Amino acid sequence: MILEATITCPLCGHRQAEAMPTDACLHFYECAACREMLKPKAGDCCVFCSYGSAKCPPRQLDTSPGGHQ
């Protein structure tokens, strides 16, 4: 399981490596460069699934057809 992902800000392009929680989804993330508050895209459970280099651990573990919600 991947426990760290790089989040890329869609506004300024800043990249930041972050540890992912193993038992929860992160719904908000503030970009360290431009201070934009990132929220998941429609259909994604968290900011890692929307802007990260890897899906969150709950989504990585979920093998059902619809995925983690």
Protein backbone atom coordinates (compact mmCIF):
# COMPACT_ATOMS: atom_id res chain seq x y z
CA MET A 1 0.00 0.00 0.00
CA ILE A 2 1.21 3.51 -0.84
CA LEU A 3 1.16 5.76 2.24
CA GLU A 4 2.59 8.97 0.78
CA ALA A 5 1.49 10.94 -2.26
CA THR A 6 2.47 14.17 -3.94
CA ILE A 7 -0.41 16.63 -4.16
CA THR A 8 -0.28 19.02 -7.12
CA CYS A 9 -2.23 22.26 -6.77
CA PRO A 10 -4.43 22.78 -9.85
CA LEU A 11 -4.22 26.56 -9.41
CA CYS A 12 -0.47 27.23 -9.09
CA GLY A 13 1.11 23.84 -9.86
CA HIS A 14 2.94 23.60 -6.51
CA ARG A 15 3.78 20.01 -5.57
CA GLN A 16 3.98 18.80 -1.97
CA ALA A 17 4.60 15.28 -0.64
CA GLU A 18 2.16 14.38 2.13
CA ALA A 19 1.53 11.33 4.30
CA MET A 20 -1.95 9.90 3.75
CA PRO A 21 -4.16 8.85 6.66
CA THR A 22 -4.81 5.10 6.52
CA ASP A 23 -8.29 5.16 8.04
CA ALA A 24 -9.91 8.32 6.68
CA CYS A 25 -10.33 10.52 3.63
CA LEU A 26 -8.88 14.06 3.60
CA HIS A 27 -11.62 16.38 2.37
CA PHE A 28 -9.72 19.69 2.50
CA TYR A 29 -6.09 20.61 1.84
CA GLU A 30 -4.50 24.06 1.82
CA CYS A 31 -1.78 24.59 -0.80
CA ALA A 32 1.43 25.68 0.93
CA ALA A 33 2.30 28.05 -1.94
CA CYS A 34 -0.88 29.91 -2.97
CA ARG A 35 -3.09 29.03 0.05
CA GLU A 36 -5.89 27.74 -2.21
CA MET A 37 -8.19 25.41 -0.26
CA LEU A 38 -8.46 22.23 -2.33
CA LYS A 39 -11.59 20.10 -2.18
CA PRO A 40 -12.20 16.74 -3.89
CA LYS A 41 -13.49 16.78 -7.46
CA ALA A 42 -17.02 15.47 -8.03
CA GLY A 43 -17.01 11.69 -7.67
CA ASP A 44 -13.73 11.55 -5.70
CA CYS A 45 -13.68 10.83 -1.98
CA CYS A 46 -10.70 13.02 -1.05
CA VAL A 47 -8.01 15.44 -2.23
CA PHE A 48 -5.51 12.61 -2.71
CA CYS A 49 -7.85 10.90 -5.18
CA SER A 50 -8.33 14.21 -7.04
CA TYR A 51 -4.88 15.83 -6.95
CA GLY A 52 -2.46 13.23 -5.58
CA SER A 53 0.03 10.95 -7.27
CA ALA A 54 -1.75 7.98 -5.60
CA LYS A 55 -5.27 7.20 -4.44
CA CYS A 56 -5.96 7.29 -0.68
CA PRO A 57 -5.41 4.06 1.32
CA PRO A 58 -9.16 3.36 1.78
CA ARG A 59 -9.61 3.57 -2.03
CA GLN A 60 -6.48 1.44 -2.60
CA LEU A 61 -7.98 -1.30 -0.38
CA ASP A 62 -11.47 -1.13 -1.85
CA THR A 63 -11.94 -3.77 -4.54
CA SER A 64 -15.68 -3.30 -5.08
CA PRO A 65 -16.80 -2.16 -8.56
CA GLY A 66 -18.00 1.28 -7.38
CA GLY A 67 -15.01 2.03 -5.18
CA HIS A 68 -14.89 3.78 -1.81
CA GLN A 69 -17.45 6.51 -1.15
